[in-house]
């Protein structure tokens, strides 16, 4: 595991048990995690560190609050979200 992955696991450990990376794109990396509060598997999307200062949390949080596959009713995507900003590292 990378140092960044271990810092992420530590920063989110109270709420999520981060298991592994499941995808990445131009702005973020997505991890498979267990939501400790609800006892279910979730995807945790993390903004790439090099973009965090340039983009800032506002745009990222807006994305988490609406739109996307969850709003379109895809059968494999739940509509509830936990959108928040954390500084890792």
N, C-alpha and C. Protein backbone atom coordinates (compact mmCIF):
# COMPACT_ATOMS: atom_id res chain seq x y z
N UNK A 1 0.83 -1.18 0.00
CA UNK A 1 0.00 0.00 0.00
C UNK A 1 0.88 1.25 0.00
N UNK A 2 0.38 2.29 -0.62
CA UNK A 2 1.12 3.54 -0.66
C UNK A 2 0.89 4.33 0.63
N UNK A 3 1.78 5.27 0.88
CA UNK A 3 1.64 6.13 2.05
C UNK A 3 0.35 6.95 1.98
N UNK A 4 0.01 7.42 0.77
CA UNK A 4 -1.22 8.20 0.60
C UNK A 4 -2.45 7.34 0.91
N UNK A 5 -2.45 6.09 0.47
CA UNK A 5 -3.58 5.18 0.75
C UNK A 5 -3.71 4.97 2.26
N UNK A 6 -2.61 4.78 2.94
CA UNK A 6 -2.65 4.57 4.39
C UNK A 6 -3.14 5.82 5.12
N UNK A 7 -2.76 7.02 4.66
CA UNK A 7 -3.26 8.26 5.26
C UNK A 7 -4.76 8.39 5.05
N UNK A 8 -5.23 8.03 3.86
CA UNK A 8 -6.67 8.06 3.57
C UNK A 8 -7.42 7.12 4.50
N UNK A 9 -6.94 5.89 4.63
CA UNK A 9 -7.58 4.92 5.51
C UNK A 9 -7.67 5.45 6.93
N UNK A 10 -6.59 6.07 7.40
CA UNK A 10 -6.55 6.60 8.76
C UNK A 10 -7.51 7.78 8.92
N UNK A 11 -7.54 8.68 7.94
CA UNK A 11 -8.38 9.88 8.03
C UNK A 11 -9.87 9.54 8.05
N UNK A 12 -10.27 8.48 7.37
CA UNK A 12 -11.69 8.14 7.26
C UNK A 12 -12.08 6.94 8.11
N UNK A 13 -11.17 6.43 8.91
CA UNK A 13 -11.38 5.17 9.64
C UNK A 13 -12.60 5.16 10.56
N UNK A 14 -12.96 6.29 11.12
CA UNK A 14 -14.10 6.31 12.03
C UNK A 14 -15.40 5.97 11.30
N UNK A 15 -15.53 6.42 10.06
CA UNK A 15 -16.77 6.21 9.31
C UNK A 15 -16.68 5.10 8.27
N UNK A 16 -15.50 4.99 7.60
CA UNK A 16 -15.36 4.04 6.50
C UNK A 16 -14.13 3.14 6.67
N UNK A 17 -14.28 1.89 6.30
CA UNK A 17 -13.15 0.96 6.22
C UNK A 17 -12.78 0.88 4.74
N UNK A 18 -11.74 1.60 4.33
CA UNK A 18 -11.32 1.63 2.94
C UNK A 18 -10.65 0.31 2.60
N UNK A 19 -11.12 -0.34 1.53
CA UNK A 19 -10.62 -1.66 1.18
C UNK A 19 -9.61 -1.63 0.03
N UNK A 20 -10.01 -1.00 -1.10
CA UNK A 20 -9.12 -0.99 -2.26
C UNK A 20 -9.61 0.01 -3.29
N UNK A 21 -8.70 0.37 -4.19
CA UNK A 21 -9.06 1.26 -5.29
C UNK A 21 -9.87 0.48 -6.31
N UNK A 22 -10.95 1.10 -6.81
CA UNK A 22 -11.76 0.43 -7.84
C UNK A 22 -11.80 1.20 -9.15
N UNK A 23 -11.26 2.42 -9.16
CA UNK A 23 -11.22 3.18 -10.40
C UNK A 23 -10.62 4.55 -10.20
N UNK A 24 -10.26 5.17 -11.32
CA UNK A 24 -9.73 6.53 -11.24
C UNK A 24 -10.00 7.25 -12.55
N UNK A 25 -10.03 8.56 -12.47
CA UNK A 25 -10.27 9.39 -13.63
C UNK A 25 -9.41 10.62 -13.57
N UNK A 26 -9.76 11.61 -14.35
CA UNK A 26 -8.96 12.81 -14.43
C UNK A 26 -8.92 13.63 -13.16
N UNK A 27 -9.97 13.57 -12.35
CA UNK A 27 -10.04 14.41 -11.16
C UNK A 27 -10.01 13.64 -9.84
N UNK A 28 -10.33 12.36 -9.86
CA UNK A 28 -10.49 11.66 -8.59
C UNK A 28 -10.17 10.17 -8.72
N UNK A 29 -10.02 9.56 -7.54
CA UNK A 29 -9.86 8.12 -7.43
C UNK A 29 -11.03 7.61 -6.60
N UNK A 30 -11.56 6.45 -6.97
CA UNK A 30 -12.71 5.87 -6.27
C UNK A 30 -12.26 4.59 -5.57
N UNK A 31 -12.66 4.47 -4.32
CA UNK A 31 -12.29 3.32 -3.49
C UNK A 31 -13.52 2.55 -3.04
N UNK A 32 -13.38 1.25 -2.94
CA UNK A 32 -14.40 0.41 -2.32
C UNK A 32 -14.19 0.49 -0.81
N UNK A 33 -15.27 0.71 -0.08
CA UNK A 33 -15.18 0.82 1.37
C UNK A 33 -16.42 0.24 2.01
N UNK A 34 -16.32 -0.01 3.30
CA UNK A 34 -17.50 -0.41 4.08
C UNK A 34 -17.92 0.80 4.91
N UNK A 35 -19.18 1.15 4.81
CA UNK A 35 -19.75 2.22 5.63
C UNK A 35 -20.00 1.61 7.00
N UNK A 36 -19.21 1.99 7.97
CA UNK A 36 -19.31 1.39 9.31
C UNK A 36 -20.65 1.69 9.98
N UNK A 37 -21.22 2.85 9.68
CA UNK A 37 -22.48 3.24 10.30
C UNK A 37 -23.65 2.38 9.79
N UNK A 38 -23.66 2.10 8.47
CA UNK A 38 -24.78 1.38 7.88
C UNK A 38 -24.47 -0.07 7.52
N UNK A 39 -23.23 -0.49 7.68
CA UNK A 39 -22.86 -1.88 7.44
C UNK A 39 -23.05 -2.32 5.99
N UNK A 40 -22.66 -1.46 5.05
CA UNK A 40 -22.82 -1.80 3.64
C UNK A 40 -21.61 -1.32 2.84
N UNK A 41 -21.44 -1.90 1.67
CA UNK A 41 -20.37 -1.48 0.77
C UNK A 41 -20.75 -0.18 0.08
N UNK A 42 -19.77 0.71 -0.03
CA UNK A 42 -19.98 2.00 -0.68
C UNK A 42 -18.76 2.34 -1.53
N UNK A 43 -18.93 3.31 -2.40
CA UNK A 43 -17.82 3.87 -3.16
C UNK A 43 -17.45 5.21 -2.53
N UNK A 44 -16.18 5.42 -2.28
CA UNK A 44 -15.69 6.67 -1.73
C UNK A 44 -14.84 7.34 -2.80
N UNK A 45 -15.25 8.52 -3.22
CA UNK A 45 -14.55 9.26 -4.28
C UNK A 45 -13.66 10.31 -3.64
N UNK A 46 -12.37 10.31 -4.02
CA UNK A 46 -11.38 11.19 -3.41
C UNK A 46 -10.73 12.04 -4.49
N UNK A 47 -10.82 13.35 -4.35
CA UNK A 47 -10.22 14.28 -5.28
C UNK A 47 -8.71 14.11 -5.28
N UNK A 48 -8.09 14.11 -6.46
CA UNK A 48 -6.64 13.99 -6.56
C UNK A 48 -5.97 15.16 -5.84
N UNK A 49 -4.93 14.87 -5.05
CA UNK A 49 -4.28 15.93 -4.26
C UNK A 49 -3.79 17.10 -5.11
N UNK A 50 -3.27 16.82 -6.29
CA UNK A 50 -2.73 17.89 -7.12
C UNK A 50 -3.82 18.83 -7.64
N UNK A 51 -5.07 18.40 -7.61
CA UNK A 51 -6.17 19.23 -8.07
C UNK A 51 -6.94 19.90 -6.93
N UNK A 52 -6.72 19.44 -5.73
CA UNK A 52 -7.51 19.91 -4.59
C UNK A 52 -7.43 21.42 -4.41
N UNK A 53 -6.25 21.99 -4.52
CA UNK A 53 -6.11 23.44 -4.34
C UNK A 53 -6.69 24.21 -5.52
N UNK A 54 -6.50 23.70 -6.72
CA UNK A 54 -6.98 24.40 -7.92
C UNK A 54 -8.50 24.38 -8.01
N UNK A 55 -9.11 23.27 -7.72
CA UNK A 55 -10.56 23.12 -7.85
C UNK A 55 -11.27 23.56 -6.57
N UNK A 56 -10.71 23.22 -5.43
CA UNK A 56 -11.33 23.53 -4.15
C UNK A 56 -12.47 22.57 -3.86
N UNK A 57 -12.94 22.57 -2.62
CA UNK A 57 -13.97 21.61 -2.23
C UNK A 57 -15.37 21.90 -2.75
N UNK A 58 -15.67 23.16 -3.09
CA UNK A 58 -17.05 23.51 -3.46
C UNK A 58 -17.56 22.72 -4.66
N UNK A 59 -16.80 22.68 -5.73
CA UNK A 59 -17.25 21.95 -6.92
C UNK A 59 -17.41 20.46 -6.63
N UNK A 60 -16.47 19.92 -5.90
CA UNK A 60 -16.49 18.50 -5.56
C UNK A 60 -17.71 18.17 -4.70
N UNK A 61 -18.00 19.02 -3.73
CA UNK A 61 -19.16 18.80 -2.86
C UNK A 61 -20.46 18.94 -3.62
N UNK A 62 -20.54 19.91 -4.55
CA UNK A 62 -21.76 20.06 -5.36
C UNK A 62 -22.04 18.80 -6.16
N UNK A 63 -21.00 18.19 -6.70
CA UNK A 63 -21.17 16.95 -7.46
C UNK A 63 -21.76 15.86 -6.58
N UNK A 64 -21.34 15.80 -5.33
CA UNK A 64 -21.83 14.78 -4.41
C UNK A 64 -23.25 15.01 -3.93
N UNK A 65 -23.76 16.22 -4.14
CA UNK A 65 -25.09 16.55 -3.65
C UNK A 65 -26.19 16.37 -4.68
N UNK A 66 -25.84 16.13 -5.92
CA UNK A 66 -26.89 15.97 -6.92
C UNK A 66 -26.34 15.56 -8.26
N UNK A 67 -27.23 15.05 -9.10
CA UNK A 67 -26.84 14.61 -10.44
C UNK A 67 -26.23 13.23 -10.42
N UNK A 68 -25.78 12.78 -11.56
CA UNK A 68 -25.13 11.49 -11.66
C UNK A 68 -26.09 10.33 -11.75
N UNK A 69 -25.53 9.14 -11.73
CA UNK A 69 -26.30 7.91 -11.91
C UNK A 69 -27.35 7.70 -10.82
N UNK A 70 -27.05 8.12 -9.60
CA UNK A 70 -28.00 7.92 -8.51
C UNK A 70 -29.30 8.67 -8.76
N UNK A 71 -29.20 9.86 -9.33
CA UNK A 71 -30.40 10.65 -9.60
C UNK A 71 -31.18 10.10 -10.79
N UNK A 72 -30.50 9.39 -11.69
CA UNK A 72 -31.15 8.83 -12.86
C UNK A 72 -31.85 7.52 -12.60
N UNK A 73 -31.73 7.01 -11.39
CA UNK A 73 -32.44 5.81 -11.03
C UNK A 73 -31.80 4.51 -11.50
N UNK A 74 -30.50 4.49 -11.70
CA UNK A 74 -29.83 3.25 -12.11
C UNK A 74 -30.05 2.20 -11.03
N UNK A 75 -30.37 0.99 -11.42
CA UNK A 75 -30.74 -0.07 -10.47
C UNK A 75 -29.61 -0.45 -9.50
N UNK A 76 -28.35 -0.20 -9.87
CA UNK A 76 -27.23 -0.59 -9.02
C UNK A 76 -26.63 0.55 -8.22
N UNK A 77 -27.27 1.72 -8.26
CA UNK A 77 -26.73 2.88 -7.56
C UNK A 77 -27.76 3.40 -6.58
N UNK A 78 -27.33 3.53 -5.32
CA UNK A 78 -28.22 4.09 -4.30
C UNK A 78 -28.18 5.59 -4.37
N UNK A 79 -29.28 6.23 -4.03
CA UNK A 79 -29.38 7.67 -4.13
C UNK A 79 -28.85 8.43 -2.93
N UNK A 80 -28.59 7.78 -1.80
CA UNK A 80 -28.12 8.51 -0.64
C UNK A 80 -26.61 8.72 -0.72
N UNK A 81 -26.19 9.89 -0.23
CA UNK A 81 -24.78 10.25 -0.31
C UNK A 81 -24.33 10.88 0.99
N UNK A 82 -23.04 10.81 1.21
CA UNK A 82 -22.39 11.49 2.33
C UNK A 82 -21.31 12.36 1.71
N UNK A 83 -21.65 13.57 1.34
CA UNK A 83 -20.70 14.48 0.69
C UNK A 83 -20.07 15.38 1.74
N UNK A 84 -18.76 15.27 1.88
CA UNK A 84 -18.04 16.12 2.82
C UNK A 84 -16.60 16.25 2.39
N UNK A 85 -15.95 17.25 2.89
CA UNK A 85 -14.55 17.49 2.56
C UNK A 85 -13.68 17.11 3.74
N UNK A 86 -12.62 16.38 3.48
CA UNK A 86 -11.61 16.02 4.48
C UNK A 86 -10.25 16.35 3.90
N UNK A 87 -9.37 16.83 4.71
CA UNK A 87 -8.00 17.02 4.27
C UNK A 87 -7.20 15.80 4.72
N UNK A 88 -6.56 15.13 3.78
CA UNK A 88 -5.79 13.93 4.08
C UNK A 88 -4.32 14.26 3.93
N UNK A 89 -3.56 14.07 5.00
CA UNK A 89 -2.12 14.27 4.91
C UNK A 89 -1.64 15.55 5.33
